[in-house]
Amino acid sequence: MGFHRLCFAGLISLTSGLMAQESVSAESTPPRVRALSPTVADAVTAALPKFQPNRPDSEADDWDLPEPKNQIIRLPRVVVEGTRPPVFTEREVHTDKGLAELAVKRYFTETGLALNSFTLPLVGMSKEAYAMMLWKQDERLRLIGELSEEADLTEAFGDPDRADQLRDYLNDTLAHPTLFLNPGSVALRDLRGQ
């Protein structure tokens, strides 16, 4: 029991010492001095523009809508100004090694990881290389979709020349080249419509 009383007495003395120290520090703090005199402060506030709250007329349009029956709360319209933050692609965010790890996680199941746990050096392809091949294929298809949609919208808005340029760029850049046919062969020229 003596030890507990000693600890309790120590806490009481410590607390009272801290409280006395705070009261001394509060008394020793000088009063806050204003940087401007009251007359200068009044002159500055008089020169500032007065606060004008939003006109209720602009909000009246929002509230003319019928009251919802399911108690949806209608919030006032807000205009957000500023620039949008940049949107980074996976290629910009990840290193090559990190992108390969992401592709392995995305394209391989547990069974696929177990079956591809080792690679034969001269014969096989590593799981990272195979996953990156799949990722590049998906990225190519995504770009084809985006550019095709942009070309369709450009044509719909009345600029067929720009749409044709986009489609030519799409075919030249993202189309798979013919691997097994000779480009000068008659069959390929017939296939192209020449």
C-alpha atoms as a PDB file:
ATOM      1  CA  MET A   1       0.000   0.000   0.000  1.00  0.00           C
ATOM      2  CA  GLY A   2       2.868   2.355   0.694  1.00  0.00           C
ATOM      3  CA  PHE A   3       4.102   2.193  -2.881  1.00  0.00           C
ATOM      4  CA  HIS A   4       0.677   3.139  -4.302  1.00  0.00           C
ATOM      5  CA  ARG A   5       0.371   6.087  -1.916  1.00  0.00           C
ATOM      6  CA  LEU A   6       3.835   7.232  -2.916  1.00  0.00           C
ATOM      7  CA  CYS A   7       2.951   7.071  -6.630  1.00  0.00           C
ATOM      8  CA  PHE A   8      -0.355   8.856  -6.043  1.00  0.00           C
ATOM      9  CA  ALA A   9       1.365  11.615  -4.046  1.00  0.00           C
ATOM     10  CA  GLY A  10       3.961  11.986  -6.803  1.00  0.00           C
ATOM     11  CA  LEU A  11       1.254  12.371  -9.444  1.00  0.00           C
ATOM     12  CA  ILE A  12      -0.564  14.993  -7.368  1.00  0.00           C
ATOM     13  CA  SER A  13       2.604  17.025  -6.856  1.00  0.00           C
ATOM     14  CA  LEU A  14       3.519  16.729 -10.542  1.00  0.00           C
ATOM     15  CA  THR A  15       0.026  17.837 -11.638  1.00  0.00           C
ATOM     16  CA  SER A  16      -0.039  20.797  -9.261  1.00  0.00           C
ATOM     17  CA  GLY A  17       3.433  21.828 -10.439  1.00  0.00           C
ATOM     18  CA  LEU A  18       2.343  21.746 -14.085  1.00  0.00           C
ATOM     19  CA  MET A  19      -0.796  23.755 -13.341  1.00  0.00           C
ATOM     20  CA  ALA A  20       1.238  26.379 -11.495  1.00  0.00           C
ATOM     21  CA  GLN A  21       3.699  26.529 -14.379  1.00  0.00           C
ATOM     22  CA  GLU A  22       0.860  27.027 -16.900  1.00  0.00           C
ATOM     23  CA  SER A  23      -0.660  29.840 -14.849  1.00  0.00           C
ATOM     24  CA  VAL A  24       2.742  31.567 -14.603  1.00  0.00           C
ATOM     25  CA  SER A  25       3.343  31.188 -18.345  1.00  0.00           C
ATOM     26  CA  ALA A  26      -0.156  32.519 -19.098  1.00  0.00           C
ATOM     27  CA  GLU A  27       0.463  35.553 -16.890  1.00  0.00           C
ATOM     28  CA  SER A  28       3.915  36.181 -18.360  1.00  0.00           C
ATOM     29  CA  THR A  29       2.631  36.193 -21.969  1.00  0.00           C
ATOM     30  CA  PRO A  30       2.361  39.803 -23.134  1.00  0.00           C
ATOM     31  CA  PRO A  31      -0.968  40.912 -24.584  1.00  0.00           C
ATOM     32  CA  ARG A  32      -1.291  40.580 -28.348  1.00  0.00           C
ATOM     33  CA  VAL A  33      -0.388  43.745 -30.186  1.00  0.00           C
ATOM     34  CA  ARG A  34      -2.260  44.569 -33.384  1.00  0.00           C
ATOM     35  CA  ALA A  35      -0.185  45.403 -36.427  1.00  0.00           C
ATOM     36  CA  LEU A  36      -2.584  48.175 -37.458  1.00  0.00           C
ATOM     37  CA  SER A  37      -4.204  50.871 -35.425  1.00  0.00           C
ATOM     38  CA  PRO A  38      -8.008  50.781 -35.207  1.00  0.00           C
ATOM     39  CA  THR A  39      -8.357  53.761 -37.578  1.00  0.00           C
ATOM     40  CA  VAL A  40      -6.127  52.164 -40.228  1.00  0.00           C
ATOM     41  CA  ALA A  41      -7.960  48.831 -39.827  1.00  0.00           C
ATOM     42  CA  ASP A  42     -11.301  50.621 -40.366  1.00  0.00           C
ATOM     43  CA  ALA A  43      -9.927  52.362 -43.470  1.00  0.00           C
ATOM     44  CA  VAL A  44      -8.694  49.045 -44.903  1.00  0.00           C
ATOM     45  CA  THR A  45     -12.015  47.285 -44.305  1.00  0.00           C
ATOM     46  CA  ALA A  46     -13.881  50.222 -45.860  1.00  0.00           C
ATOM     47  CA  ALA A  47     -11.784  49.883 -49.035  1.00  0.00           C
ATOM     48  CA  LEU A  48     -12.471  46.140 -49.371  1.00  0.00           C
ATOM     49  CA  PRO A  49     -15.454  45.019 -51.456  1.00  0.00           C
ATOM     50  CA  LYS A  50     -18.563  44.218 -49.480  1.00  0.00           C
ATOM     51  CA  PHE A  51     -19.759  40.627 -49.191  1.00  0.00           C
ATOM     52  CA  GLN A  52     -22.631  39.872 -51.538  1.00  0.00           C
ATOM     53  CA  PRO A  53     -24.345  36.531 -51.011  1.00  0.00           C
ATOM     54  CA  ASN A  54     -25.640  34.573 -53.993  1.00  0.00           C
ATOM     55  CA  ARG A  55     -28.865  35.851 -55.421  1.00  0.00           C
ATOM     56  CA  PRO A  56     -31.817  33.645 -54.590  1.00  0.00           C
ATOM     57  CA  ASP A  57     -33.087  34.062 -58.196  1.00  0.00           C
ATOM     58  CA  SER A  58     -30.401  31.715 -59.548  1.00  0.00           C
ATOM     59  CA  GLU A  59     -31.308  29.094 -56.959  1.00  0.00           C
ATOM     60  CA  ALA A  60     -35.018  29.449 -57.662  1.00  0.00           C
ATOM     61  CA  ASP A  61     -34.586  27.541 -60.939  1.00  0.00           C
ATOM     62  CA  ASP A  62     -33.187  24.551 -59.068  1.00  0.00           C
ATOM     63  CA  TRP A  63     -35.980  24.504 -56.529  1.00  0.00           C
ATOM     64  CA  ASP A  64     -38.816  24.810 -59.066  1.00  0.00           C
ATOM     65  CA  LEU A  65     -38.556  21.075 -59.651  1.00  0.00           C
ATOM     66  CA  PRO A  66     -41.273  18.971 -58.071  1.00  0.00           C
ATOM     67  CA  GLU A  67     -40.588  17.545 -54.642  1.00  0.00           C
ATOM     68  CA  PRO A  68     -39.373  13.951 -54.844  1.00  0.00           C
ATOM     69  CA  LYS A  69     -41.549  11.355 -53.173  1.00  0.00           C
ATOM     70  CA  ASN A  70     -38.653   9.282 -51.900  1.00  0.00           C
ATOM     71  CA  GLN A  71     -37.068  12.126 -49.873  1.00  0.00           C
ATOM     72  CA  ILE A  72     -34.066  12.741 -52.116  1.00  0.00           C
ATOM     73  CA  ILE A  73     -32.153  15.762 -50.899  1.00  0.00           C
ATOM     74  CA  ARG A  74     -31.508  18.285 -53.670  1.00  0.00           C
ATOM     75  CA  LEU A  75     -28.213  20.115 -53.378  1.00  0.00           C
ATOM     76  CA  PRO A  76     -27.543  23.529 -54.930  1.00  0.00           C
ATOM     77  CA  ARG A  77     -25.627  23.686 -58.188  1.00  0.00           C
ATOM     78  CA  VAL A  78     -21.890  24.190 -57.825  1.00  0.00           C
ATOM     79  CA  VAL A  79     -19.393  25.302 -60.464  1.00  0.00           C
ATOM     80  CA  VAL A  80     -15.908  23.876 -59.939  1.00  0.00           C
ATOM     81  CA  GLU A  81     -13.089  25.847 -61.504  1.00  0.00           C
ATOM     82  CA  GLY A  82      -9.489  24.796 -61.960  1.00  0.00           C
ATOM     83  CA  THR A  83      -7.417  22.320 -63.866  1.00  0.00           C
ATOM     84  CA  ARG A  84      -7.915  18.601 -63.732  1.00  0.00           C
ATOM     85  CA  PRO A  85      -5.115  16.526 -62.301  1.00  0.00           C
ATOM     86  CA  PRO A  86      -3.168  14.507 -64.854  1.00  0.00           C
ATOM     87  CA  VAL A  87      -4.292  10.964 -65.555  1.00  0.00           C
ATOM     88  CA  PHE A  88      -1.343   8.604 -65.633  1.00  0.00           C
ATOM     89  CA  THR A  89      -1.291   5.355 -67.573  1.00  0.00           C
ATOM     90  CA  GLU A  90       0.044   2.108 -66.160  1.00  0.00           C
ATOM     91  CA  ARG A  91       3.161   2.441 -68.309  1.00  0.00           C
ATOM     92  CA  GLU A  92       3.926   5.884 -66.818  1.00  0.00           C
ATOM     93  CA  VAL A  93       3.329   4.818 -63.220  1.00  0.00           C
ATOM     94  CA  HIS A  94       5.196   1.499 -63.108  1.00  0.00           C
ATOM     95  CA  THR A  95       8.760   0.509 -63.872  1.00  0.00           C
ATOM     96  CA  ASP A  96       9.337  -2.321 -66.346  1.00  0.00           C
ATOM     97  CA  LYS A  97       9.687  -4.824 -63.518  1.00  0.00           C
ATOM     98  CA  GLY A  98       6.608  -3.477 -61.718  1.00  0.00           C
ATOM     99  CA  LEU A  99       4.600  -3.583 -64.937  1.00  0.00           C
ATOM    100  CA  ALA A 100       5.647  -7.202 -65.498  1.00  0.00           C
ATOM    101  CA  GLU A 101       4.557  -8.097 -61.938  1.00  0.00           C
ATOM    102  CA  LEU A 102       1.235  -6.338 -62.499  1.00  0.00           C
ATOM    103  CA  ALA A 103       0.707  -8.223 -65.765  1.00  0.00           C
ATOM    104  CA  VAL A 104       1.496 -11.561 -64.087  1.00  0.00           C
ATOM    105  CA  LYS A 105      -1.054 -10.820 -61.351  1.00  0.00           C
ATOM    106  CA  ARG A 106      -3.630  -9.761 -63.921  1.00  0.00           C
ATOM    107  CA  TYR A 107      -3.312 -12.571 -66.459  1.00  0.00           C
ATOM    108  CA  PHE A 108      -2.290 -15.623 -64.429  1.00  0.00           C
ATOM    109  CA  THR A 109      -4.414 -17.635 -62.029  1.00  0.00           C
ATOM    110  CA  GLU A 110      -2.935 -19.648 -59.179  1.00  0.00           C
ATOM    111  CA  THR A 111      -2.866 -22.700 -61.430  1.00  0.00           C
ATOM    112  CA  GLY A 112      -1.108 -20.774 -64.184  1.00  0.00           C
ATOM    113  CA  LEU A 113       1.493 -19.515 -61.722  1.00  0.00           C
ATOM    114  CA  ALA A 114       2.083 -23.062 -60.465  1.00  0.00           C
ATOM    115  CA  LEU A 115       2.453 -24.436 -63.997  1.00  0.00           C
ATOM    116  CA  ASN A 116       4.824 -21.631 -65.022  1.00  0.00           C
ATOM    117  CA  SER A 117       7.036 -21.711 -61.947  1.00  0.00           C
ATOM    118  CA  PHE A 118      10.125 -22.479 -64.047  1.00  0.00           C
ATOM    119  CA  THR A 119      11.180 -21.822 -67.642  1.00  0.00           C
ATOM    120  CA  LEU A 120      13.388 -23.735 -70.027  1.00  0.00           C
ATOM    121  CA  PRO A 121      16.029 -21.221 -71.162  1.00  0.00           C
ATOM    122  CA  LEU A 122      16.185 -21.819 -74.923  1.00  0.00           C
ATOM    123  CA  VAL A 123      12.733 -23.261 -75.534  1.00  0.00           C
ATOM    124  CA  GLY A 124      10.192 -21.489 -73.373  1.00  0.00           C
ATOM    125  CA  MET A 125       9.021 -18.035 -72.487  1.00  0.00           C
ATOM    126  CA  SER A 126       8.998 -16.743 -68.910  1.00  0.00           C
ATOM    127  CA  LYS A 127       5.687 -15.993 -67.258  1.00  0.00           C
ATOM    128  CA  GLU A 128       6.651 -12.302 -67.096  1.00  0.00           C
ATOM    129  CA  ALA A 129       7.359 -12.178 -70.843  1.00  0.00           C
ATOM    130  CA  TYR A 130       4.110 -13.981 -71.649  1.00  0.00           C
ATOM    131  CA  ALA A 131       2.108 -11.718 -69.320  1.00  0.00           C
ATOM    132  CA  MET A 132       3.719  -8.627 -70.881  1.00  0.00           C
ATOM    133  CA  MET A 133       2.815  -9.938 -74.333  1.00  0.00           C
ATOM    134  CA  LEU A 134      -0.818 -10.226 -73.207  1.00  0.00           C
ATOM    135  CA  TRP A 135      -0.676  -6.758 -71.601  1.00  0.00           C
ATOM    136  CA  LYS A 136       0.713  -5.197 -74.804  1.00  0.00           C
ATOM    137  CA  GLN A 137      -2.035  -6.887 -76.822  1.00  0.00           C
ATOM    138  CA  ASP A 138      -4.712  -5.492 -74.481  1.00  0.00           C
ATOM    139  CA  GLU A 139      -3.093  -2.054 -74.595  1.00  0.00           C
ATOM    140  CA  ARG A 140      -3.050  -2.182 -78.418  1.00  0.00           C
ATOM    141  CA  LEU A 141      -6.734  -3.148 -78.504  1.00  0.00           C
ATOM    142  CA  ARG A 142      -7.571  -0.352 -76.046  1.00  0.00           C
ATOM    143  CA  LEU A 143      -5.770   2.204 -78.227  1.00  0.00           C
ATOM    144  CA  ILE A 144      -7.505   0.875 -81.340  1.00  0.00           C
ATOM    145  CA  GLY A 145     -10.866   1.306 -79.610  1.00  0.00           C
ATOM    146  CA  GLU A 146     -10.068   4.847 -78.460  1.00  0.00           C
ATOM    147  CA  LEU A 147      -8.795   5.984 -81.860  1.00  0.00           C
ATOM    148  CA  SER A 148     -11.685   4.321 -83.709  1.00  0.00           C
ATOM    149  CA  GLU A 149     -14.157   6.071 -81.445  1.00  0.00           C
ATOM    150  CA  GLU A 150     -12.362   9.385 -81.944  1.00  0.00           C
ATOM    151  CA  ALA A 151     -12.390   8.889 -85.726  1.00  0.00           C
ATOM    152  CA  ASP A 152     -16.116   8.074 -85.672  1.00  0.00           C
ATOM    153  CA  LEU A 153     -16.872  11.160 -83.576  1.00  0.00           C
ATOM    154  CA  THR A 154     -14.719  13.346 -85.808  1.00  0.00           C
ATOM    155  CA  GLU A 155     -16.580  12.090 -88.859  1.00  0.00           C
ATOM    156  CA  ALA A 156     -19.941  12.599 -87.128  1.00  0.00           C
ATOM    157  CA  PHE A 157     -19.017  16.203 -86.338  1.00  0.00           C
ATOM    158  CA  GLY A 158     -18.354  16.909 -90.011  1.00  0.00           C
ATOM    159  CA  ASP A 159     -14.606  16.473 -90.540  1.00  0.00           C
ATOM    160  CA  PRO A 160     -14.235  13.358 -92.737  1.00  0.00           C
ATOM    161  CA  ASP A 161     -10.682  14.264 -93.830  1.00  0.00           C
ATOM    162  CA  ARG A 162      -9.447  14.290 -90.238  1.00  0.00           C
ATOM    163  CA  ALA A 163     -11.326  11.020 -89.580  1.00  0.00           C
ATOM    164  CA  ASP A 164      -9.590   9.397 -92.570  1.00  0.00           C
ATOM    165  CA  GLN A 165      -6.218  10.633 -91.285  1.00  0.00           C
ATOM    166  CA  LEU A 166      -6.950   9.094 -87.881  1.00  0.00           C
ATOM    167  CA  ARG A 167      -7.966   5.787 -89.452  1.00  0.00           C
ATOM    168  CA  ASP A 168      -4.815   5.737 -91.613  1.00  0.00           C
ATOM    169  CA  TYR A 169      -2.712   6.450 -88.530  1.00  0.00           C
ATOM    170  CA  LEU A 170      -4.567   3.686 -86.716  1.00  0.00           C
ATOM    171  CA  ASN A 171      -3.925   1.170 -89.498  1.00  0.00           C
ATOM    172  CA  ASP A 172      -0.275   2.154 -89.960  1.00  0.00           C
ATOM    173  CA  THR A 173       0.617   2.153 -86.281  1.00  0.00           C
ATOM    174  CA  LEU A 174      -1.490  -0.430 -84.489  1.00  0.00           C
ATOM    175  CA  ALA A 175      -2.401  -3.032 -87.113  1.00  0.00           C
ATOM    176  CA  HIS A 176      -0.505  -6.323 -87.084  1.00  0.00           C
ATOM    177  CA  PRO A 177       1.803  -6.680 -90.087  1.00  0.00           C
ATOM    178  CA  THR A 178       1.446  -9.696 -92.331  1.00  0.00           C
ATOM    179  CA  LEU A 179       4.082 -12.164 -91.212  1.00  0.00           C
ATOM    180  CA  PHE A 180       3.845 -15.034 -93.662  1.00  0.00           C
ATOM    181  CA  LEU A 181       2.752 -13.441 -96.940  1.00  0.00           C
ATOM    182  CA  ASN A 182       5.033 -11.727 -99.385  1.00  0.00           C
ATOM    183  CA  PRO A 183       3.733  -8.126 -99.739  1.00  0.00           C
ATOM    184  CA  GLY A 184       4.434  -8.225-103.473  1.00  0.00           C
ATOM    185  CA  SER A 185       2.409 -11.343-104.101  1.00  0.00           C
ATOM    186  CA  VAL A 186      -0.704 -11.251-106.229  1.00  0.00           C
ATOM    187  CA  ALA A 187      -2.857 -12.822-103.528  1.00  0.00           C
ATOM    188  CA  LEU A 188      -2.065 -10.055-101.065  1.00  0.00           C
ATOM    189  CA  ARG A 189      -2.667  -7.348-103.659  1.00  0.00           C
ATOM    190  CA  ASP A 190      -6.040  -8.900-104.423  1.00  0.00           C
ATOM    191  CA  LEU A 191      -6.762  -9.046-100.705  1.00  0.00           C
ATOM    192  CA  ARG A 192      -6.011  -5.337-100.374  1.00  0.00           C
ATOM    193  CA  GLY A 193      -8.270  -4.533-103.301  1.00  0.00           C
ATOM    194  CA  GLN A 194      -5.517  -3.399-105.666  1.00  0.00           C
END
